[in-house]
């Protein structure tokens, strides 16, 4: 059984025990987080109806918070002496899926 969940502005395919990295979610380590399912596949049965998905719960445990790789942004205009250097690191959270259940 696996599910496709909406997490951090993207969709992730998850199974019980899988570890995913999403945009920062507020919460301490070892806290439980509910993820919103978009699709559920259980053997040959595929569920994508919103009413049926309302009964599906996907829970994950917060493992740790981390930061992504540094992205260097350098703007430059020729012959004017203009250049601007900037950096960015995204705030991320690592989650471990603990349960996929239907009511």
PDB file of N, CA and C in Angstrom:
ATOM      1  N   UNK A   1       0.845  -1.178   0.000  1.00  0.00           N
ATOM      2  CA  UNK A   1       0.000   0.000   0.000  1.00  0.00           C
ATOM      3  C   UNK A   1       0.886   1.235   0.000  1.00  0.00           C
ATOM      4  N   UNK A   2       0.534   2.200  -0.855  1.00  0.00           N
ATOM      5  CA  UNK A   2       1.226   3.472  -0.837  1.00  0.00           C
ATOM      6  C   UNK A   2       0.226   4.584  -1.106  1.00  0.00           C
ATOM      7  N   UNK A   3       0.648   5.807  -0.787  1.00  0.00           N
ATOM      8  CA  UNK A   3      -0.207   6.971  -0.983  1.00  0.00           C
ATOM      9  C   UNK A   3       0.614   8.096  -1.602  1.00  0.00           C
ATOM     10  N   UNK A   4      -0.073   8.949  -2.300  1.00  0.00           N
ATOM     11  CA  UNK A   4       0.529  10.188  -2.785  1.00  0.00           C
ATOM     12  C   UNK A   4      -0.060  11.293  -1.926  1.00  0.00           C
ATOM     13  N   UNK A   5       0.813  12.051  -1.240  1.00  0.00           N
ATOM     14  CA  UNK A   5       0.349  13.080  -0.312  1.00  0.00           C
ATOM     15  C   UNK A   5       0.817  14.452  -0.775  1.00  0.00           C
ATOM     16  N   UNK A   6       0.068  15.468  -0.356  1.00  0.00           N
ATOM     17  CA  UNK A   6       0.452  16.858  -0.626  1.00  0.00           C
ATOM     18  C   UNK A   6       1.243  17.343   0.574  1.00  0.00           C
ATOM     19  N   UNK A   7       2.497  17.706   0.334  1.00  0.00           N
ATOM     20  CA  UNK A   7       3.360  18.141   1.433  1.00  0.00           C
ATOM     21  C   UNK A   7       4.336  19.187   0.927  1.00  0.00           C
ATOM     22  N   UNK A   8       4.301  20.346   1.522  1.00  0.00           N
ATOM     23  CA  UNK A   8       5.268  21.375   1.181  1.00  0.00           C
ATOM     24  C   UNK A   8       5.118  21.922  -0.220  1.00  0.00           C
ATOM     25  N   UNK A   9       3.897  22.003  -0.744  1.00  0.00           N
ATOM     26  CA  UNK A   9       3.691  22.546  -2.072  1.00  0.00           C
ATOM     27  C   UNK A   9       3.976  21.567  -3.193  1.00  0.00           C
ATOM     28  N   UNK A  10       4.322  20.348  -2.856  1.00  0.00           N
ATOM     29  CA  UNK A  10       4.603  19.316  -3.854  1.00  0.00           C
ATOM     30  C   UNK A  10       3.816  18.055  -3.486  1.00  0.00           C
ATOM     31  N   UNK A  11       3.866  17.080  -4.358  1.00  0.00           N
ATOM     32  CA  UNK A  11       3.262  15.788  -4.074  1.00  0.00           C
ATOM     33  C   UNK A  11       4.374  14.757  -3.927  1.00  0.00           C
ATOM     34  N   UNK A  12       4.255  13.918  -2.909  1.00  0.00           N
ATOM     35  CA  UNK A  12       5.267  12.906  -2.628  1.00  0.00           C
ATOM     36  C   UNK A  12       4.598  11.538  -2.551  1.00  0.00           C
ATOM     37  N   UNK A  13       5.243  10.532  -3.127  1.00  0.00           N
ATOM     38  CA  UNK A  13       4.773   9.150  -3.023  1.00  0.00           C
ATOM     39  C   UNK A  13       5.381   8.562  -1.749  1.00  0.00           C
ATOM     40  N   UNK A  14       4.534   8.065  -0.825  1.00  0.00           N
ATOM     41  CA  UNK A  14       5.015   7.569   0.457  1.00  0.00           C
ATOM     42  C   UNK A  14       4.454   6.186   0.755  1.00  0.00           C
ATOM     43  N   UNK A  15       5.232   5.424   1.493  1.00  0.00           N
ATOM     44  CA  UNK A  15       4.827   4.142   2.049  1.00  0.00           C
ATOM     45  C   UNK A  15       5.152   4.189   3.530  1.00  0.00           C
ATOM     46  N   UNK A  16       4.657   3.231   4.288  1.00  0.00           N
ATOM     47  CA  UNK A  16       4.978   3.176   5.712  1.00  0.00           C
ATOM     48  C   UNK A  16       6.476   2.915   5.851  1.00  0.00           C
ATOM     49  N   UNK A  17       7.145   3.765   6.629  1.00  0.00           N
ATOM     50  CA  UNK A  17       8.580   3.626   6.837  1.00  0.00           C
ATOM     51  C   UNK A  17       9.427   4.482   5.917  1.00  0.00           C
ATOM     52  N   UNK A  18       8.819   5.109   4.908  1.00  0.00           N
ATOM     53  CA  UNK A  18       9.617   5.936   4.001  1.00  0.00           C
ATOM     54  C   UNK A  18       9.944   7.284   4.653  1.00  0.00           C
ATOM     55  N   UNK A  19      11.083   7.834   4.273  1.00  0.00           N
ATOM     56  CA  UNK A  19      11.555   9.113   4.809  1.00  0.00           C
ATOM     57  C   UNK A  19      11.518  10.129   3.677  1.00  0.00           C
ATOM     58  N   UNK A  20      10.852  11.271   3.917  1.00  0.00           N
ATOM     59  CA  UNK A  20      10.756  12.320   2.914  1.00  0.00           C
ATOM     60  C   UNK A  20      11.245  13.639   3.498  1.00  0.00           C
ATOM     61  N   UNK A  21      11.684  14.525   2.620  1.00  0.00           N
ATOM     62  CA  UNK A  21      12.119  15.854   3.015  1.00  0.00           C
ATOM     63  C   UNK A  21      11.182  16.865   2.376  1.00  0.00           C
ATOM     64  N   UNK A  22      10.547  17.693   3.221  1.00  0.00           N
ATOM     65  CA  UNK A  22       9.575  18.678   2.753  1.00  0.00           C
ATOM     66  C   UNK A  22       9.959  20.057   3.279  1.00  0.00           C
ATOM     67  N   UNK A  23       9.263  21.090   2.799  1.00  0.00           N
ATOM     68  CA  UNK A  23       9.468  22.430   3.331  1.00  0.00           C
ATOM     69  C   UNK A  23       9.168  22.427   4.832  1.00  0.00           C
ATOM     70  N   UNK A  24       9.761  23.376   5.554  1.00  0.00           N
ATOM     71  CA  UNK A  24       9.687  23.408   7.018  1.00  0.00           C
ATOM     72  C   UNK A  24       8.252  23.339   7.525  1.00  0.00           C
ATOM     73  N   UNK A  25       8.030  22.412   8.452  1.00  0.00           N
ATOM     74  CA  UNK A  25       6.748  22.241   9.130  1.00  0.00           C
ATOM     75  C   UNK A  25       6.980  22.570  10.593  1.00  0.00           C
ATOM     76  N   UNK A  26       6.112  23.400  11.154  1.00  0.00           N
ATOM     77  CA  UNK A  26       6.253  23.765  12.562  1.00  0.00           C
ATOM     78  C   UNK A  26       5.977  22.540  13.425  1.00  0.00           C
ATOM     79  N   UNK A  27       6.851  22.273  14.372  1.00  0.00           N
ATOM     80  CA  UNK A  27       6.691  21.129  15.254  1.00  0.00           C
ATOM     81  C   UNK A  27       8.025  20.662  15.783  1.00  0.00           C
ATOM     82  N   UNK A  28       8.006  20.086  16.978  1.00  0.00           N
ATOM     83  CA  UNK A  28       9.219  19.578  17.591  1.00  0.00           C
ATOM     84  C   UNK A  28       9.512  18.169  17.082  1.00  0.00           C
ATOM     85  N   UNK A  29      10.732  17.693  17.387  1.00  0.00           N
ATOM     86  CA  UNK A  29      11.093  16.335  17.006  1.00  0.00           C
ATOM     87  C   UNK A  29      10.212  15.336  17.746  1.00  0.00           C
ATOM     88  N   UNK A  30       9.949  14.225  17.115  1.00  0.00           N
ATOM     89  CA  UNK A  30       9.116  13.133  17.627  1.00  0.00           C
ATOM     90  C   UNK A  30       7.634  13.485  17.693  1.00  0.00           C
ATOM     91  N   UNK A  31       7.220  14.648  17.168  1.00  0.00           N
ATOM     92  CA  UNK A  31       5.806  14.987  17.084  1.00  0.00           C
ATOM     93  C   UNK A  31       5.197  14.335  15.861  1.00  0.00           C
ATOM     94  N   UNK A  32       3.901  14.112  15.918  1.00  0.00           N
ATOM     95  CA  UNK A  32       3.189  13.504  14.814  1.00  0.00           C
ATOM     96  C   UNK A  32       2.555  14.587  13.949  1.00  0.00           C
ATOM     97  N   UNK A  33       2.597  14.384  12.633  1.00  0.00           N
ATOM     98  CA  UNK A  33       2.050  15.331  11.673  1.00  0.00           C
ATOM     99  C   UNK A  33       1.132  14.567  10.735  1.00  0.00           C
ATOM    100  N   UNK A  34      -0.039  15.155  10.420  1.00  0.00           N
ATOM    101  CA  UNK A  34      -0.969  14.539   9.470  1.00  0.00           C
ATOM    102  C   UNK A  34      -0.712  15.123   8.090  1.00  0.00           C
ATOM    103  N   UNK A  35      -0.620  14.260   7.089  1.00  0.00           N
ATOM    104  CA  UNK A  35      -0.408  14.688   5.707  1.00  0.00           C
ATOM    105  C   UNK A  35      -1.691  14.466   4.919  1.00  0.00           C
ATOM    106  N   UNK A  36      -1.948  15.333   3.951  1.00  0.00           N
ATOM    107  CA  UNK A  36      -3.177  15.268   3.169  1.00  0.00           C
ATOM    108  C   UNK A  36      -3.008  14.328   1.973  1.00  0.00           C
ATOM    109  N   UNK A  37      -3.780  13.226   1.922  1.00  0.00           N
ATOM    110  CA  UNK A  37      -3.646  12.290   0.792  1.00  0.00           C
ATOM    111  C   UNK A  37      -4.328  12.814  -0.469  1.00  0.00           C
ATOM    112  N   UNK A  38      -3.720  12.542  -1.615  1.00  0.00           N
ATOM    113  CA  UNK A  38      -4.274  12.906  -2.911  1.00  0.00           C
ATOM    114  C   UNK A  38      -4.701  11.640  -3.655  1.00  0.00           C
ATOM    115  N   UNK A  39      -3.990  10.535  -3.382  1.00  0.00           N
ATOM    116  CA  UNK A  39      -4.244   9.269  -4.060  1.00  0.00           C
ATOM    117  C   UNK A  39      -3.838   8.141  -3.124  1.00  0.00           C
ATOM    118  N   UNK A  40      -4.590   7.050  -3.121  1.00  0.00           N
ATOM    119  CA  UNK A  40      -4.260   5.877  -2.315  1.00  0.00           C
ATOM    120  C   UNK A  40      -4.322   4.643  -3.197  1.00  0.00           C
ATOM    121  N   UNK A  41      -3.252   3.849  -3.171  1.00  0.00           N
ATOM    122  CA  UNK A  41      -3.197   2.615  -3.943  1.00  0.00           C
ATOM    123  C   UNK A  41      -3.011   1.465  -2.968  1.00  0.00           C
ATOM    124  N   UNK A  42      -3.997   0.546  -2.949  1.00  0.00           N
ATOM    125  CA  UNK A  42      -3.956  -0.623  -2.072  1.00  0.00           C
ATOM    126  C   UNK A  42      -4.142  -1.852  -2.949  1.00  0.00           C
ATOM    127  N   UNK A  43      -3.022  -2.413  -3.401  1.00  0.00           N
ATOM    128  CA  UNK A  43      -3.094  -3.556  -4.317  1.00  0.00           C
ATOM    129  C   UNK A  43      -3.631  -3.098  -5.662  1.00  0.00           C
ATOM    130  N   UNK A  44      -4.788  -3.670  -6.075  1.00  0.00           N
ATOM    131  CA  UNK A  44      -5.416  -3.284  -7.339  1.00  0.00           C
ATOM    132  C   UNK A  44      -6.408  -2.136  -7.167  1.00  0.00           C
ATOM    133  N   UNK A  45      -6.711  -1.789  -5.928  1.00  0.00           N
ATOM    134  CA  UNK A  45      -7.706  -0.747  -5.648  1.00  0.00           C
ATOM    135  C   UNK A  45      -7.029   0.624  -5.596  1.00  0.00           C
ATOM    136  N   UNK A  46      -7.479   1.539  -6.478  1.00  0.00           N
ATOM    137  CA  UNK A  46      -6.945   2.896  -6.525  1.00  0.00           C
ATOM    138  C   UNK A  46      -8.051   3.853  -6.086  1.00  0.00           C
ATOM    139  N   UNK A  47      -7.771   4.679  -5.076  1.00  0.00           N
ATOM    140  CA  UNK A  47      -8.742   5.621  -4.551  1.00  0.00           C
ATOM    141  C   UNK A  47      -8.277   7.036  -4.833  1.00  0.00           C
ATOM    142  N   UNK A  48      -9.128   7.814  -5.532  1.00  0.00           N
ATOM    143  CA  UNK A  48      -8.800   9.211  -5.786  1.00  0.00           C
ATOM    144  C   UNK A  48     -10.001  10.129  -5.568  1.00  0.00           C
ATOM    145  N   UNK A  49     -11.123   9.578  -5.162  1.00  0.00           N
ATOM    146  CA  UNK A  49     -12.328  10.350  -4.893  1.00  0.00           C
ATOM    147  C   UNK A  49     -12.159  11.142  -3.588  1.00  0.00           C
ATOM    148  N   UNK A  50     -12.438  12.450  -3.589  1.00  0.00           N
ATOM    149  CA  UNK A  50     -12.241  13.262  -2.375  1.00  0.00           C
ATOM    150  C   UNK A  50     -13.047  12.778  -1.167  1.00  0.00           C
ATOM    151  N   UNK A  51     -14.243  12.258  -1.389  1.00  0.00           N
ATOM    152  CA  UNK A  51     -15.054  11.758  -0.263  1.00  0.00           C
ATOM    153  C   UNK A  51     -14.418  10.523   0.364  1.00  0.00           C
ATOM    154  N   UNK A  52     -13.887   9.641  -0.466  1.00  0.00           N
ATOM    155  CA  UNK A  52     -13.227   8.444   0.053  1.00  0.00           C
ATOM    156  C   UNK A  52     -11.891   8.791   0.694  1.00  0.00           C
ATOM    157  N   UNK A  53     -11.195   9.786   0.148  1.00  0.00           N
ATOM    158  CA  UNK A  53      -9.899  10.187   0.708  1.00  0.00           C
ATOM    159  C   UNK A  53     -10.047  10.919   2.038  1.00  0.00           C
ATOM    160  N   UNK A  54     -11.244  11.439   2.325  1.00  0.00           N
ATOM    161  CA  UNK A  54     -11.477  12.095   3.618  1.00  0.00           C
ATOM    162  C   UNK A  54     -11.371  11.087   4.763  1.00  0.00           C
ATOM    163  N   UNK A  55     -11.580   9.813   4.462  1.00  0.00           N
ATOM    164  CA  UNK A  55     -11.488   8.766   5.482  1.00  0.00           C
ATOM    165  C   UNK A  55     -10.072   8.229   5.655  1.00  0.00           C
ATOM    166  N   UNK A  56      -9.150   8.619   4.770  1.00  0.00           N
ATOM    167  CA  UNK A  56      -7.775   8.120   4.809  1.00  0.00           C
ATOM    168  C   UNK A  56      -6.925   9.074   5.654  1.00  0.00           C
ATOM    169  N   UNK A  57      -6.123   8.503   6.552  1.00  0.00           N
ATOM    170  CA  UNK A  57      -5.203   9.305   7.342  1.00  0.00           C
ATOM    171  C   UNK A  57      -3.775   8.828   7.083  1.00  0.00           C
ATOM    172  N   UNK A  58      -2.901   9.782   6.823  1.00  0.00           N
ATOM    173  CA  UNK A  58      -1.479   9.495   6.654  1.00  0.00           C
ATOM    174  C   UNK A  58      -0.754  10.292   7.735  1.00  0.00           C
ATOM    175  N   UNK A  59      -0.093   9.581   8.647  1.00  0.00           N
ATOM    176  CA  UNK A  59       0.617  10.256   9.726  1.00  0.00           C
ATOM    177  C   UNK A  59       2.113  10.046   9.562  1.00  0.00           C
ATOM    178  N   UNK A  60       2.849  11.079   9.957  1.00  0.00           N
ATOM    179  CA  UNK A  60       4.304  11.041   9.865  1.00  0.00           C
ATOM    180  C   UNK A  60       4.891  11.610  11.144  1.00  0.00           C
ATOM    181  N   UNK A  61       6.110  11.199  11.431  1.00  0.00           N
ATOM    182  CA  UNK A  61       6.822  11.667  12.617  1.00  0.00           C
ATOM    183  C   UNK A  61       7.943  12.595  12.178  1.00  0.00           C
ATOM    184  N   UNK A  62       8.065  13.739  12.873  1.00  0.00           N
ATOM    185  CA  UNK A  62       9.127  14.688  12.560  1.00  0.00           C
ATOM    186  C   UNK A  62      10.445  14.106  13.073  1.00  0.00           C
ATOM    187  N   UNK A  63      11.398  13.909  12.152  1.00  0.00           N
ATOM    188  CA  UNK A  63      12.700  13.379  12.554  1.00  0.00           C
ATOM    189  C   UNK A  63      13.636  14.512  12.960  1.00  0.00           C
ATOM    190  N   UNK A  64      13.812  15.495  12.068  1.00  0.00           N
ATOM    191  CA  UNK A  64      14.665  16.641  12.397  1.00  0.00           C
ATOM    192  C   UNK A  64      14.426  17.766  11.400  1.00  0.00           C
ATOM    193  N   UNK A  65      14.900  18.953  11.774  1.00  0.00           N
ATOM    194  CA  UNK A  65      14.878  20.112  10.890  1.00  0.00           C
ATOM    195  C   UNK A  65      16.273  20.280  10.304  1.00  0.00           C
ATOM    196  N   UNK A  66      16.345  20.694   9.060  1.00  0.00           N
ATOM    197  CA  UNK A  66      17.632  20.886   8.411  1.00  0.00           C
ATOM    198  C   UNK A  66      17.524  22.004   7.397  1.00  0.00           C
ATOM    199  N   UNK A  67      18.632  22.355   6.792  1.00  0.00           N
ATOM    200  CA  UNK A  67      18.660  23.385   5.767  1.00  0.00           C
ATOM    201  C   UNK A  67      19.212  22.791   4.482  1.00  0.00           C
ATOM    202  N   UNK A  68      18.672  23.256   3.371  1.00  0.00           N
ATOM    203  CA  UNK A  68      19.073  22.752   2.066  1.00  0.00           C
ATOM    204  C   UNK A  68      20.421  23.300   1.641  1.00  0.00           C
ATOM    205  N   UNK A  69      20.864  22.931   0.460  1.00  0.00           N
ATOM    206  CA  UNK A  69      22.155  23.421  -0.037  1.00  0.00           C
ATOM    207  C   UNK A  69      22.094  24.913  -0.345  1.00  0.00           C
ATOM    208  N   UNK A  70      23.231  25.567  -0.267  1.00  0.00           N
ATOM    209  CA  UNK A  70      23.294  26.999  -0.521  1.00  0.00           C
ATOM    210  C   UNK A  70      23.184  27.259  -2.023  1.00  0.00           C
ATOM    211  N   UNK A  71      22.322  28.189  -2.371  1.00  0.00           N
ATOM    212  CA  UNK A  71      22.169  28.615  -3.754  1.00  0.00           C
ATOM    213  C   UNK A  71      22.735  30.024  -3.843  1.00  0.00           C
ATOM    214  N   UNK A  72      23.682  30.237  -4.735  1.00  0.00           N
ATOM    215  CA  UNK A  72      24.309  31.540  -4.893  1.00  0.00           C
ATOM    216  C   UNK A  72      23.648  32.271  -6.054  1.00  0.00           C
ATOM    217  N   UNK A  73      23.176  33.481  -5.779  1.00  0.00           N
ATOM    218  CA  UNK A  73      22.532  34.310  -6.785  1.00  0.00           C
ATOM    219  C   UNK A  73      23.466  35.487  -7.059  1.00  0.00           C
ATOM    220  N   UNK A  74      23.879  35.652  -8.306  1.00  0.00           N
ATOM    221  CA  UNK A  74      24.781  36.752  -8.652  1.00  0.00           C
ATOM    222  C   UNK A  74      24.209  37.488  -9.848  1.00  0.00           C
ATOM    223  N   UNK A  75      23.806  38.747  -9.600  1.00  0.00           N
ATOM    224  CA  UNK A  75      23.291  39.586 -10.679  1.00  0.00           C
ATOM    225  C   UNK A  75      24.428  40.480 -11.155  1.00  0.00           C
ATOM    226  N   UNK A  76      24.532  40.653 -12.457  1.00  0.00           N
ATOM    227  CA  UNK A  76      25.642  41.409 -13.033  1.00  0.00           C
ATOM    228  C   UNK A  76      25.168  42.127 -14.282  1.00  0.00           C
ATOM    229  N   UNK A  77      25.530  43.401 -14.401  1.00  0.00           N
ATOM    230  CA  UNK A  77      25.250  44.153 -15.623  1.00  0.00           C
ATOM    231  C   UNK A  77      26.582  44.630 -16.192  1.00  0.00           C
ATOM    232  N   UNK A  78      26.774  44.347 -17.445  1.00  0.00           N
ATOM    233  CA  UNK A  78      28.029  44.649 -18.115  1.00  0.00           C
ATOM    234  C   UNK A  78      28.246  46.164 -18.261  1.00  0.00           C
ATOM    235  N   UNK A  79      29.464  46.597 -18.088  1.00  0.00           N
ATOM    236  CA  UNK A  79      29.930  47.962 -18.346  1.00  0.00           C
ATOM    237  C   UNK A  79      29.346  49.020 -17.412  1.00  0.00           C
ATOM    238  N   UNK A  80      28.599  48.659 -16.390  1.00  0.00           N
ATOM    239  CA  UNK A  80      28.032  49.664 -15.492  1.00  0.00           C
ATOM    240  C   UNK A  80      28.608  49.570 -14.086  1.00  0.00           C
ATOM    241  N   UNK A  81      29.347  48.527 -13.810  1.00  0.00           N
ATOM    242  CA  UNK A  81      29.903  48.344 -12.477  1.00  0.00           C
ATOM    243  C   UNK A  81      28.908  47.767 -11.481  1.00  0.00           C
ATOM    244  N   UNK A  82      27.759  47.337 -11.965  1.00  0.00           N
ATOM    245  CA  UNK A  82      26.725  46.803 -11.073  1.00  0.00           C
ATOM    246  C   UNK A  82      26.882  45.298 -10.919  1.00  0.00           C
ATOM    247  N   UNK A  83      26.981  44.857  -9.698  1.00  0.00           N
ATOM    248  CA  UNK A  83      26.845  43.432  -9.409  1.00  0.00           C
ATOM    249  C   UNK A  83      26.317  43.291  -7.994  1.00  0.00           C
ATOM    250  N   UNK A  84      25.512  42.264  -7.805  1.00  0.00           N
ATOM    251  CA  UNK A  84      24.886  42.020  -6.516  1.00  0.00           C
ATOM    252  C   UNK A  84      24.970  40.536  -6.238  1.00  0.00           C
ATOM    253  N   UNK A  85      25.493  40.184  -5.081  1.00  0.00           N
ATOM    254  CA  UNK A  85      25.647  38.785  -4.704  1.00  0.00           C
ATOM    255  C   UNK A  85      24.705  38.497  -3.551  1.00  0.00           C
ATOM    256  N   UNK A  86      24.013  37.376  -3.650  1.00  0.00           N
ATOM    257  CA  UNK A  86      23.030  37.013  -2.638  1.00  0.00           C
ATOM    258  C   UNK A  86      23.025  35.495  -2.510  1.00  0.00           C
ATOM    259  N   UNK A  87      22.685  34.996  -1.328  1.00  0.00           N
ATOM    260  CA  UNK A  87      22.617  33.558  -1.119  1.00  0.00           C
ATOM    261  C   UNK A  87      21.285  33.160  -0.517  1.00  0.00           C
ATOM    262  N   UNK A  88      20.952  31.881  -0.633  1.00  0.00           N
ATOM    263  CA  UNK A  88      19.680  31.378  -0.116  1.00  0.00           C
ATOM    264  C   UNK A  88      19.839  29.922   0.277  1.00  0.00           C
ATOM    265  N   UNK A  89      19.306  29.572   1.443  1.00  0.00           N
ATOM    266  CA  UNK A  89      19.223  28.171   1.876  1.00  0.00           C
ATOM    267  C   UNK A  89      17.805  27.918   2.352  1.00  0.00           C
ATOM    268  N   UNK A  90      17.152  26.912   1.802  1.00  0.00           N
ATOM    269  CA  UNK A  90      15.773  26.632   2.168  1.00  0.00           C
ATOM    270  C   UNK A  90      15.715  25.893   3.507  1.00  0.00           C
ATOM    271  N   UNK A  91      14.668  26.190   4.279  1.00  0.00           N
ATOM    272  CA  UNK A  91      14.418  25.536   5.563  1.00  0.00           C
ATOM    273  C   UNK A  91      13.609  24.273   5.280  1.00  0.00           C
ATOM    274  N   UNK A  92      14.100  23.121   5.718  1.00  0.00           N
ATOM    275  CA  UNK A  92      13.479  21.840   5.412  1.00  0.00           C
ATOM    276  C   UNK A  92      13.185  21.046   6.679  1.00  0.00           C
ATOM    277  N   UNK A  93      12.286  20.072   6.564  1.00  0.00           N
ATOM    278  CA  UNK A  93      11.973  19.147   7.641  1.00  0.00           C
ATOM    279  C   UNK A  93      12.001  17.736   7.086  1.00  0.00           C
ATOM    280  N   UNK A  94      12.634  16.819   7.806  1.00  0.00           N
ATOM    281  CA  UNK A  94      12.673  15.415   7.400  1.00  0.00           C
ATOM    282  C   UNK A  94      11.589  14.673   8.184  1.00  0.00           C
ATOM    283  N   UNK A  95      10.727  13.947   7.452  1.00  0.00           N
ATOM    284  CA  UNK A  95       9.607  13.213   8.040  1.00  0.00           C
ATOM    285  C   UNK A  95       9.745  11.721   7.766  1.00  0.00           C
ATOM    286  N   UNK A  96       9.282  10.912   8.729  1.00  0.00           N
ATOM    287  CA  UNK A  96       9.215   9.464   8.543  1.00  0.00           C
ATOM    288  C   UNK A  96       7.751   9.062   8.647  1.00  0.00           C
ATOM    289  N   UNK A  97       7.226   8.430   7.601  1.00  0.00           N
ATOM    290  CA  UNK A  97       5.820   8.036   7.564  1.00  0.00           C
ATOM    291  C   UNK A  97       5.624   6.832   8.483  1.00  0.00           C
ATOM    292  N   UNK A  98       4.699   6.969   9.432  1.00  0.00           N
ATOM    293  CA  UNK A  98       4.476   5.920  10.417  1.00  0.00           C
ATOM    294  C   UNK A  98       3.215   5.095  10.149  1.00  0.00           C
ATOM    295  N   UNK A  99       2.199   5.692   9.499  1.00  0.00           N
ATOM    296  CA  UNK A  99       0.956   4.960   9.361  1.00  0.00           C
ATOM    297  C   UNK A  99       0.162   5.497   8.168  1.00  0.00           C
ATOM    298  N   UNK A 100      -0.448   4.582   7.418  1.00  0.00           N
ATOM    299  CA  UNK A 100      -1.437   4.901   6.379  1.00  0.00           C
ATOM    300  C   UNK A 100      -2.634   4.032   6.701  1.00  0.00           C
ATOM    301  N   UNK A 101      -3.746   4.669   7.070  1.00  0.00           N
ATOM    302  CA  UNK A 101      -4.921   3.879   7.469  1.00  0.00           C
ATOM    303  C   UNK A 101      -6.192   4.470   6.900  1.00  0.00           C
ATOM    304  N   UNK A 102      -7.183   3.591   6.739  1.00  0.00           N
ATOM    305  CA  UNK A 102      -8.510   3.993   6.310  1.00  0.00           C
ATOM    306  C   UNK A 102      -9.484   3.723   7.438  1.00  0.00           C
ATOM    307  N   UNK A 103     -10.463   4.588   7.582  1.00  0.00           N
ATOM    308  CA  UNK A 103     -11.442   4.422   8.684  1.00  0.00           C
ATOM    309  C   UNK A 103     -12.554   3.508   8.292  1.00  0.00           C
TER     310      UNK A 103
END
